Amino acid sequence: MLVKTLKDNGLFYIPYLILLLALIPVLILFTKPEIHLWINQFNSDFSDWLFRHITFLGDGLFIILPAVVLLFYSLRHFIFLVVSYFSTGLFAQILKRAFFEDVTRPSRYFHDKASLHLVDGVELLGGRSFPSGHATSAFALFLCFALISSNRYIKLACFILACLVAFSRVYLSQHFLIDIYSGSMIGTLGATGFYLVFYRDERKWYAWTIQNLFRNDSNKA
């Protein structure tokens, strides 16, 4: 099933794998402050606006709307999304607090060392930089959508959106590149694993939708 899943969702997995491999030499040859300063110099008013807003797609509250929508289609889709999203997010938070509590974020690291381009209105955090929770959540969320959808263009769009949300954390100086790199892997591996669990067989309750409640009420009337 794993091979079929990877093959059917190649428009997400293949470019993601290429991106991961392409970034390995960068992460090895340069320090994370060097990488961040190089990225930080590329900015514009449009980029400030775009990444300031798109970063919210990685926030915990954003999942509420798509989760409710999925209840109208399939209980299995709903459970798959919620479990994948919160499990990977929880794992990232455990890593932050248990093992990487003292890893500083760019704004604190570069304080009195270098001048960063910062986006107005963005509240900068100081600690628990590794791994990026937003990158974890974004890749888990959008990979779930890609796996559920049968439309190849939606799968590619999901990959692009996941990358944009993850990169927004570096652009906004909330994380270093290694933070979003690792976070994206947690989200991707987690969502893939849960997909293999929830979609390996068919069960009656998987097909339940919230519309069944209204059908039952109308039948009683």
Protein backbone atom coordinates (compact mmCIF):
# COMPACT_ATOMS: atom_id res chain seq x y z
CA MET A 1 0.00 0.00 0.00
CA LEU A 2 2.90 2.35 0.72
CA VAL A 3 4.24 2.09 -2.82
CA LYS A 4 0.80 2.76 -4.30
CA THR A 5 0.29 5.74 -2.00
CA LEU A 6 3.61 7.27 -3.03
CA LYS A 7 2.91 6.63 -6.69
CA ASP A 8 -0.64 8.01 -6.64
CA ASN A 9 0.53 11.16 -4.86
CA GLY A 10 3.76 11.71 -6.76
CA LEU A 11 2.94 15.36 -7.40
CA PHE A 12 3.38 15.95 -3.67
CA TYR A 13 6.04 13.39 -2.73
CA ILE A 14 8.40 13.74 -5.70
CA PRO A 15 8.95 17.51 -5.57
CA TYR A 16 9.16 17.27 -1.78
CA LEU A 17 11.88 14.62 -2.00
CA ILE A 18 13.76 16.68 -4.59
CA LEU A 19 13.55 19.71 -2.31
CA LEU A 20 14.81 17.76 0.70
CA LEU A 21 17.77 16.38 -1.24
CA ALA A 22 18.61 19.76 -2.78
CA LEU A 23 18.76 21.41 0.65
CA ILE A 24 21.09 18.84 2.22
CA PRO A 25 24.30 20.39 0.77
CA VAL A 26 23.13 23.84 1.84
CA LEU A 27 22.53 22.69 5.41
CA ILE A 28 25.90 20.91 5.52
CA LEU A 29 28.07 23.59 3.91
CA PHE A 30 26.63 26.65 5.66
CA THR A 31 25.68 27.44 9.23
CA LYS A 32 22.08 28.20 10.03
CA PRO A 33 22.84 31.91 10.77
CA GLU A 34 24.58 32.25 7.39
CA ILE A 35 21.63 30.69 5.59
CA HIS A 36 19.16 32.88 7.44
CA LEU A 37 21.01 36.12 6.69
CA TRP A 38 21.23 35.19 3.01
CA ILE A 39 17.49 34.46 2.79
CA ASN A 40 16.58 37.51 4.83
CA GLN A 41 18.05 39.91 2.28
CA PHE A 42 15.42 38.91 -0.30
CA ASN A 43 12.33 40.81 0.70
CA SER A 44 9.65 43.08 -0.72
CA ASP A 45 6.40 44.73 0.32
CA PHE A 46 4.40 42.03 -1.45
CA SER A 47 6.39 39.25 0.23
CA ASP A 48 5.90 40.92 3.60
CA TRP A 49 2.14 40.95 3.02
CA LEU A 50 1.99 37.42 1.60
CA PHE A 51 4.01 35.63 4.27
CA ARG A 52 2.52 37.61 7.13
CA HIS A 53 -0.91 36.27 6.20
CA ILE A 54 -0.18 32.82 4.79
CA THR A 55 1.69 31.81 7.95
CA PHE A 56 -1.67 31.60 9.75
CA LEU A 57 -2.48 28.47 7.72
CA GLY A 58 -0.10 26.69 10.07
CA ASP A 59 -1.90 27.84 13.22
CA GLY A 60 -3.93 25.41 15.28
CA LEU A 61 -7.23 27.27 14.85
CA PHE A 62 -7.12 27.03 11.05
CA ILE A 63 -7.89 23.30 11.13
CA ILE A 64 -11.39 23.87 12.53
CA LEU A 65 -12.99 24.91 9.23
CA PRO A 66 -11.56 22.15 6.99
CA ALA A 67 -12.24 19.56 9.70
CA VAL A 68 -15.92 20.55 9.89
CA VAL A 69 -16.19 20.54 6.09
CA LEU A 70 -14.78 17.00 5.94
CA LEU A 71 -17.53 15.81 8.30
CA PHE A 72 -19.95 16.40 5.43
CA TYR A 73 -17.97 14.02 3.22
CA SER A 74 -16.59 11.22 5.37
CA LEU A 75 -15.98 10.50 9.03
CA ARG A 76 -12.80 8.71 8.03
CA HIS A 77 -11.45 11.82 6.29
CA PHE A 78 -12.29 13.85 9.40
CA ILE A 79 -10.56 11.47 11.81
CA PHE A 80 -7.55 11.09 9.53
CA LEU A 81 -7.07 14.85 9.32
CA VAL A 82 -7.56 15.56 13.01
CA VAL A 83 -5.38 12.68 14.24
CA SER A 84 -2.59 13.46 11.76
CA TYR A 85 -2.61 17.17 12.50
CA PHE A 86 -2.69 17.02 16.28
CA SER A 87 -0.41 13.99 16.67
CA THR A 88 2.38 15.47 14.57
CA GLY A 89 1.91 18.86 16.22
CA LEU A 90 2.06 17.31 19.68
CA PHE A 91 5.22 15.40 18.76
CA ALA A 92 6.87 18.62 17.57
CA GLN A 93 5.91 20.38 20.79
CA ILE A 94 7.32 17.55 22.89
CA LEU A 95 10.62 17.80 21.04
CA LYS A 96 10.68 21.56 21.58
CA ARG A 97 10.08 21.37 25.31
CA ALA A 98 11.86 18.16 26.25
CA PHE A 99 15.00 18.33 24.12
CA PHE A 100 15.37 21.74 22.44
CA GLU A 101 14.10 24.15 25.06
CA ASP A 102 17.17 26.39 24.81
CA VAL A 103 17.41 26.60 21.01
CA THR A 104 16.93 30.27 20.17
CA ARG A 105 15.02 31.74 17.25
CA PRO A 106 16.56 34.17 14.74
CA SER A 107 15.28 37.35 16.38
CA ARG A 108 16.99 36.49 19.66
CA TYR A 109 20.06 34.91 18.07
CA PHE A 110 20.83 37.98 15.95
CA HIS A 111 20.05 40.50 18.67
CA ASP A 112 23.01 42.93 18.72
CA LYS A 113 24.74 40.76 16.06
CA ALA A 114 23.06 41.70 12.81
CA SER A 115 20.18 43.76 11.50
CA LEU A 116 17.33 41.68 10.14
CA HIS A 117 14.52 42.66 7.83
CA LEU A 118 11.45 42.26 10.03
CA VAL A 119 7.80 42.45 9.05
CA ASP A 120 5.69 45.03 10.87
CA GLY A 121 2.96 43.62 13.07
CA VAL A 122 4.56 40.20 13.55
CA GLU A 123 5.18 39.25 17.17
CA LEU A 124 8.59 37.63 17.29
CA LEU A 125 9.24 34.66 19.55
CA GLY A 126 12.57 33.96 21.20
CA GLY A 127 12.93 30.33 22.21
CA ARG A 128 11.98 26.76 21.30
CA SER A 129 12.97 27.22 17.70
CA PHE A 130 13.51 23.57 16.77
CA PRO A 131 11.54 22.05 15.14
CA SER A 132 9.03 24.40 13.53
CA GLY A 133 5.52 23.64 14.69
CA HIS A 134 4.01 25.63 11.81
CA ALA A 135 5.99 23.65 9.23
CA THR A 136 4.97 20.40 10.92
CA SER A 137 1.30 21.35 10.93
CA ALA A 138 1.33 22.75 7.40
CA PHE A 139 2.85 19.65 5.84
CA ALA A 140 0.60 17.33 7.85
CA LEU A 141 -2.49 19.35 6.93
CA PHE A 142 -1.86 19.81 3.23
CA LEU A 143 -0.55 16.29 2.72
CA CYS A 144 -3.80 15.03 4.23
CA PHE A 145 -5.71 17.07 1.65
CA ALA A 146 -3.46 15.75 -1.11
CA LEU A 147 -3.95 12.13 -0.03
CA ILE A 148 -7.72 12.53 0.21
CA SER A 149 -8.09 14.30 -3.14
CA SER A 150 -8.04 12.47 -6.46
CA ASN A 151 -7.27 15.65 -8.39
CA ARG A 152 -3.62 15.84 -9.45
CA TYR A 153 -3.64 19.64 -9.56
CA ILE A 154 -4.93 19.84 -6.00
CA LYS A 155 -2.12 17.54 -4.91
CA LEU A 156 0.47 19.86 -6.46
CA ALA A 157 -1.26 22.94 -5.03
CA CYS A 158 -1.16 21.32 -1.57
CA PHE A 159 2.60 20.84 -1.87
CA ILE A 160 3.10 24.47 -2.91
CA LEU A 161 0.93 25.77 -0.05
CA ALA A 162 2.76 23.60 2.50
CA CYS A 163 6.09 24.99 1.28
CA LEU A 164 4.85 28.58 1.39
CA VAL A 165 3.57 28.25 4.95
CA ALA A 166 6.80 26.61 6.07
CA PHE A 167 8.99 29.17 4.31
CA SER A 168 6.95 32.00 5.84
CA ARG A 169 8.45 31.07 9.21
CA VAL A 170 11.96 31.73 7.89
CA TYR A 171 10.91 34.87 6.01
CA LEU A 172 9.32 36.25 9.18
CA SER A 173 12.45 35.34 11.18
CA GLN A 174 10.50 33.01 13.44
CA HIS A 175 12.65 30.00 12.51
CA PHE A 176 15.87 28.91 10.86
CA LEU A 177 15.83 26.79 7.72
CA ILE A 178 16.79 23.63 9.62
CA ASP A 179 13.74 24.13 11.86
CA ILE A 180 11.25 24.06 8.98
CA TYR A 181 13.21 21.32 7.21
CA SER A 182 12.82 19.04 10.21
CA GLY A 183 9.26 20.11 10.93
CA SER A 184 8.18 19.33 7.37
CA MET A 185 9.54 15.79 7.69
CA ILE A 186 7.64 15.22 10.93
CA GLY A 187 4.40 16.38 9.33
CA THR A 188 4.94 14.38 6.14
CA LEU A 189 5.96 11.14 7.82
CA GLY A 190 3.15 11.42 10.35
CA ALA A 191 0.40 12.09 7.80
CA THR A 192 1.68 9.29 5.56
CA GLY A 193 1.76 6.83 8.44
CA PHE A 194 -1.76 7.64 9.59
CA TYR A 195 -3.04 7.41 6.02
CA LEU A 196 -1.71 3.86 5.81
CA VAL A 197 -3.52 3.07 9.06
CA PHE A 198 -6.91 4.59 8.27
CA TYR A 199 -7.15 3.65 4.60
CA ARG A 200 -5.91 0.08 4.61
CA ASP A 201 -9.45 -1.34 4.81
CA GLU A 202 -13.13 -0.39 4.61
CA ARG A 203 -15.48 -0.20 7.57
CA LYS A 204 -19.12 0.85 7.73
CA TRP A 205 -18.63 3.72 10.13
CA TYR A 206 -16.02 5.24 7.80
CA ALA A 207 -18.83 6.31 5.46
CA TRP A 208 -20.77 8.21 8.14
CA THR A 209 -21.24 11.94 7.52
CA ILE A 210 -22.86 14.72 9.51
CA GLN A 211 -25.68 14.67 6.97
CA ASN A 212 -26.80 11.35 8.45
CA LEU A 213 -28.00 13.25 11.52
CA PHE A 214 -30.39 15.29 9.42
CA ARG A 215 -31.59 12.20 7.54
CA ASN A 216 -32.34 10.45 10.81
CA ASP A 217 -34.23 13.46 12.13
CA SER A 218 -36.31 13.72 8.94
CA ASN A 219 -37.11 10.00 9.08
CA LYS A 220 -38.36 10.33 12.66
CA ALA A 221 -40.55 13.26 11.67
